[in-house]
Amino acid sequence: MRHKGIFRLFALCYNIDMIKNTQKGGFIKTILLVVIGIIVLSYFGINLREILNSDSVKNNFSAVWDFLAGIWANNILPIILNFFTS
């Protein structure tokens, strides 16, 4: 039952954050959760390199990137430029 140790570690990290309840340590917590997530995926035999190199994932990320770039260029950037030029 190797997975119990991983879930206990995740629960410990979550409980430490709940006890601390401060603004400090947010970046460290995020890095720790990403590392734990990668360990869990590895435990279940999920290969991130194969997933990220697949054509469907690349197309989906490209579509999301194009959408966000369009929102930035058409909506957010004009507001910022208008604010600084006024």
N, C-alpha and C. Protein backbone atom coordinates (compact mmCIF):
# COMPACT_ATOMS: atom_id res chain seq x y z
N MET A 1 0.84 -1.20 0.00
CA MET A 1 0.00 0.00 0.00
C MET A 1 0.87 1.25 0.00
N ARG A 2 1.63 1.44 -1.07
CA ARG A 2 2.54 2.57 -1.18
C ARG A 2 1.79 3.89 -1.32
N HIS A 3 0.60 3.86 -1.90
CA HIS A 3 -0.12 5.10 -2.16
C HIS A 3 -0.60 5.78 -0.88
N LYS A 4 -0.74 5.04 0.20
CA LYS A 4 -1.18 5.67 1.45
C LYS A 4 -0.16 6.69 1.95
N GLY A 5 1.12 6.40 1.77
CA GLY A 5 2.16 7.34 2.19
C GLY A 5 2.12 8.63 1.41
N ILE A 6 1.84 8.54 0.10
CA ILE A 6 1.76 9.74 -0.73
C ILE A 6 0.58 10.59 -0.31
N PHE A 7 -0.57 9.95 -0.08
CA PHE A 7 -1.74 10.71 0.32
C PHE A 7 -1.59 11.30 1.72
N ARG A 8 -0.87 10.60 2.60
CA ARG A 8 -0.59 11.16 3.93
C ARG A 8 0.30 12.39 3.83
N LEU A 9 1.29 12.34 2.93
CA LEU A 9 2.16 13.50 2.72
C LEU A 9 1.36 14.69 2.20
N PHE A 10 0.46 14.44 1.25
CA PHE A 10 -0.39 15.51 0.72
C PHE A 10 -1.28 16.07 1.83
N ALA A 11 -1.88 15.20 2.65
CA ALA A 11 -2.73 15.65 3.74
C ALA A 11 -1.93 16.46 4.75
N LEU A 12 -0.69 16.05 5.02
CA LEU A 12 0.17 16.79 5.94
C LEU A 12 0.44 18.19 5.41
N CYS A 13 0.76 18.30 4.12
CA CYS A 13 1.01 19.62 3.53
C CYS A 13 -0.23 20.49 3.62
N TYR A 14 -1.39 19.91 3.37
CA TYR A 14 -2.64 20.67 3.44
C TYR A 14 -2.91 21.13 4.87
N ASN A 15 -2.69 20.24 5.85
CA ASN A 15 -2.93 20.60 7.24
C ASN A 15 -1.96 21.66 7.74
N ILE A 16 -0.70 21.58 7.32
CA ILE A 16 0.27 22.60 7.71
C ILE A 16 -0.18 23.96 7.20
N ASP A 17 -0.69 24.01 5.98
CA ASP A 17 -1.16 25.27 5.42
C ASP A 17 -2.38 25.78 6.19
N MET A 18 -3.26 24.90 6.60
CA MET A 18 -4.44 25.32 7.34
C MET A 18 -4.06 25.86 8.72
N ILE A 19 -3.07 25.24 9.35
CA ILE A 19 -2.63 25.70 10.67
C ILE A 19 -1.92 27.04 10.56
N LYS A 20 -1.06 27.16 9.57
CA LYS A 20 -0.28 28.38 9.38
C LYS A 20 -1.17 29.55 9.00
N ASN A 21 -1.95 29.36 7.94
CA ASN A 21 -2.94 30.33 7.48
C ASN A 21 -2.37 31.74 7.37
N THR A 22 -1.24 31.87 6.72
CA THR A 22 -0.66 33.17 6.48
C THR A 22 -0.41 33.33 5.00
N GLN A 23 0.02 34.52 4.60
CA GLN A 23 0.31 34.79 3.20
C GLN A 23 1.68 34.25 2.79
N LYS A 24 2.55 33.99 3.73
CA LYS A 24 3.89 33.50 3.42
C LYS A 24 3.84 32.03 3.04
N GLY A 25 4.73 31.63 2.16
CA GLY A 25 4.84 30.22 1.81
C GLY A 25 3.93 29.78 0.69
N GLY A 26 3.26 30.68 0.02
CA GLY A 26 2.35 30.30 -1.05
C GLY A 26 3.09 29.72 -2.23
N PHE A 27 4.22 30.29 -2.58
CA PHE A 27 5.00 29.81 -3.72
C PHE A 27 5.61 28.45 -3.41
N ILE A 28 6.12 28.28 -2.21
CA ILE A 28 6.71 27.01 -1.80
C ILE A 28 5.63 25.93 -1.79
N LYS A 29 4.45 26.26 -1.30
CA LYS A 29 3.35 25.29 -1.27
C LYS A 29 2.97 24.86 -2.67
N THR A 30 2.94 25.81 -3.60
CA THR A 30 2.59 25.49 -4.98
C THR A 30 3.62 24.55 -5.59
N ILE A 31 4.90 24.84 -5.37
CA ILE A 31 5.95 23.96 -5.89
C ILE A 31 5.84 22.57 -5.28
N LEU A 32 5.59 22.51 -3.99
CA LEU A 32 5.47 21.22 -3.31
C LEU A 32 4.28 20.43 -3.84
N LEU A 33 3.15 21.09 -4.08
CA LEU A 33 1.98 20.40 -4.61
C LEU A 33 2.22 19.91 -6.04
N VAL A 34 2.94 20.68 -6.84
CA VAL A 34 3.27 20.23 -8.20
C VAL A 34 4.17 19.00 -8.14
N VAL A 35 5.16 19.02 -7.28
CA VAL A 35 6.06 17.87 -7.15
C VAL A 35 5.28 16.64 -6.68
N ILE A 36 4.40 16.81 -5.71
CA ILE A 36 3.59 15.69 -5.23
C ILE A 36 2.67 15.19 -6.33
N GLY A 37 2.11 16.10 -7.11
CA GLY A 37 1.26 15.70 -8.23
C GLY A 37 2.03 14.88 -9.25
N ILE A 38 3.25 15.28 -9.55
CA ILE A 38 4.08 14.53 -10.50
C ILE A 38 4.42 13.15 -9.94
N ILE A 39 4.68 13.08 -8.64
CA ILE A 39 4.96 11.78 -8.02
C ILE A 39 3.75 10.87 -8.11
N VAL A 40 2.56 11.42 -7.86
CA VAL A 40 1.34 10.61 -7.94
C VAL A 40 1.11 10.13 -9.37
N LEU A 41 1.30 11.00 -10.35
CA LEU A 41 1.15 10.59 -11.75
C LEU A 41 2.16 9.50 -12.11
N SER A 42 3.38 9.63 -11.63
CA SER A 42 4.40 8.62 -11.89
C SER A 42 4.04 7.29 -11.25
N TYR A 43 3.47 7.35 -10.06
CA TYR A 43 3.07 6.13 -9.36
C TYR A 43 2.04 5.35 -10.18
N PHE A 44 1.12 6.06 -10.82
CA PHE A 44 0.09 5.41 -11.61
C PHE A 44 0.54 5.14 -13.05
N GLY A 45 1.81 5.37 -13.36
CA GLY A 45 2.36 5.03 -14.66
C GLY A 45 2.00 5.99 -15.77
N ILE A 46 1.69 7.23 -15.45
CA ILE A 46 1.33 8.23 -16.45
C ILE A 46 2.60 8.98 -16.86
N ASN A 47 2.90 8.95 -18.15
CA ASN A 47 4.10 9.59 -18.67
C ASN A 47 3.74 10.97 -19.21
N LEU A 48 4.19 12.01 -18.54
CA LEU A 48 3.86 13.37 -18.95
C LEU A 48 4.48 13.74 -20.29
N ARG A 49 5.66 13.23 -20.60
CA ARG A 49 6.32 13.55 -21.86
C ARG A 49 5.48 13.07 -23.04
N GLU A 50 4.92 11.85 -22.94
CA GLU A 50 4.08 11.34 -24.02
C GLU A 50 2.81 12.17 -24.17
N ILE A 51 2.23 12.57 -23.05
CA ILE A 51 1.01 13.36 -23.10
C ILE A 51 1.28 14.72 -23.71
N LEU A 52 2.34 15.39 -23.27
CA LEU A 52 2.63 16.74 -23.75
C LEU A 52 3.10 16.76 -25.20
N ASN A 53 3.65 15.65 -25.70
CA ASN A 53 4.11 15.60 -27.08
C ASN A 53 3.04 15.15 -28.06
N SER A 54 1.86 14.79 -27.57
CA SER A 54 0.81 14.35 -28.49
C SER A 54 0.26 15.55 -29.27
N ASP A 55 -0.17 15.28 -30.50
CA ASP A 55 -0.66 16.34 -31.37
C ASP A 55 -1.92 17.01 -30.84
N SER A 56 -2.81 16.24 -30.22
CA SER A 56 -4.05 16.83 -29.72
C SER A 56 -3.78 17.81 -28.58
N VAL A 57 -2.84 17.49 -27.71
CA VAL A 57 -2.51 18.40 -26.61
C VAL A 57 -1.86 19.67 -27.16
N LYS A 58 -0.96 19.51 -28.13
CA LYS A 58 -0.32 20.69 -28.73
C LYS A 58 -1.35 21.58 -29.40
N ASN A 59 -2.32 20.98 -30.11
CA ASN A 59 -3.36 21.77 -30.76
C ASN A 59 -4.25 22.47 -29.75
N ASN A 60 -4.57 21.80 -28.65
CA ASN A 60 -5.41 22.41 -27.62
C ASN A 60 -4.69 23.58 -26.95
N PHE A 61 -3.41 23.40 -26.61
CA PHE A 61 -2.66 24.49 -26.00
C PHE A 61 -2.50 25.66 -26.97
N SER A 62 -2.33 25.35 -28.24
CA SER A 62 -2.22 26.40 -29.25
C SER A 62 -3.52 27.19 -29.35
N ALA A 63 -4.65 26.50 -29.31
CA ALA A 63 -5.94 27.18 -29.39
C ALA A 63 -6.17 28.07 -28.16
N VAL A 64 -5.84 27.57 -26.99
CA VAL A 64 -6.01 28.36 -25.77
C VAL A 64 -5.07 29.56 -25.79
N TRP A 65 -3.83 29.37 -26.24
CA TRP A 65 -2.87 30.47 -26.31
C TRP A 65 -3.35 31.55 -27.28
N ASP A 66 -3.85 31.13 -28.44
CA ASP A 66 -4.36 32.10 -29.41
C ASP A 66 -5.55 32.87 -28.85
N PHE A 67 -6.43 32.19 -28.12
CA PHE A 67 -7.58 32.84 -27.51
C PHE A 67 -7.13 33.88 -26.48
N LEU A 68 -6.20 33.50 -25.61
CA LEU A 68 -5.72 34.43 -24.58
C LEU A 68 -4.96 35.60 -25.20
N ALA A 69 -4.19 35.33 -26.25
CA ALA A 69 -3.46 36.41 -26.93
C ALA A 69 -4.44 37.39 -27.57
N GLY A 70 -5.53 36.88 -28.12
CA GLY A 70 -6.55 37.75 -28.70
C GLY A 70 -7.23 38.61 -27.66
N ILE A 71 -7.54 38.03 -26.51
CA ILE A 71 -8.15 38.81 -25.42
C ILE A 71 -7.18 39.89 -24.95
N TRP A 72 -5.90 39.54 -24.81
CA TRP A 72 -4.90 40.52 -24.39
C TRP A 72 -4.80 41.66 -25.39
N ALA A 73 -4.67 41.32 -26.67
CA ALA A 73 -4.44 42.34 -27.70
C ALA A 73 -5.67 43.20 -27.95
N ASN A 74 -6.86 42.62 -27.85
CA ASN A 74 -8.07 43.36 -28.21
C ASN A 74 -8.79 43.99 -27.03
N ASN A 75 -8.61 43.47 -25.83
CA ASN A 75 -9.38 43.97 -24.69
C ASN A 75 -8.53 44.60 -23.60
N ILE A 76 -7.50 43.91 -23.16
CA ILE A 76 -6.74 44.37 -22.00
C ILE A 76 -5.71 45.43 -22.38
N LEU A 77 -4.92 45.17 -23.41
CA LEU A 77 -3.87 46.10 -23.80
C LEU A 77 -4.40 47.49 -24.17
N PRO A 78 -5.51 47.62 -24.93
CA PRO A 78 -6.02 48.97 -25.21
C PRO A 78 -6.42 49.74 -23.96
N ILE A 79 -6.94 49.06 -22.97
CA ILE A 79 -7.31 49.73 -21.71
C ILE A 79 -6.06 50.25 -21.01
N ILE A 80 -5.03 49.43 -20.96
CA ILE A 80 -3.78 49.85 -20.32
C ILE A 80 -3.15 51.01 -21.06
N LEU A 81 -3.10 50.92 -22.38
CA LEU A 81 -2.52 52.01 -23.18
C LEU A 81 -3.32 53.29 -23.05
N ASN A 82 -4.63 53.17 -23.01
CA ASN A 82 -5.49 54.34 -22.84
C ASN A 82 -5.28 54.98 -21.48
N PHE A 83 -5.07 54.17 -20.47
CA PHE A 83 -4.84 54.68 -19.12
C PHE A 83 -3.55 55.49 -19.05
N PHE A 84 -2.49 54.99 -19.68
CA PHE A 84 -1.21 55.68 -19.60
C PHE A 84 -1.09 56.84 -20.57
N THR A 85 -1.88 56.89 -21.63
CA THR A 85 -1.79 58.00 -22.58
C THR A 85 -2.76 59.11 -22.25
N SER A 86 -3.70 58.87 -21.37
CA SER A 86 -4.68 59.92 -21.01
C SER A 86 -4.14 60.88 -19.99
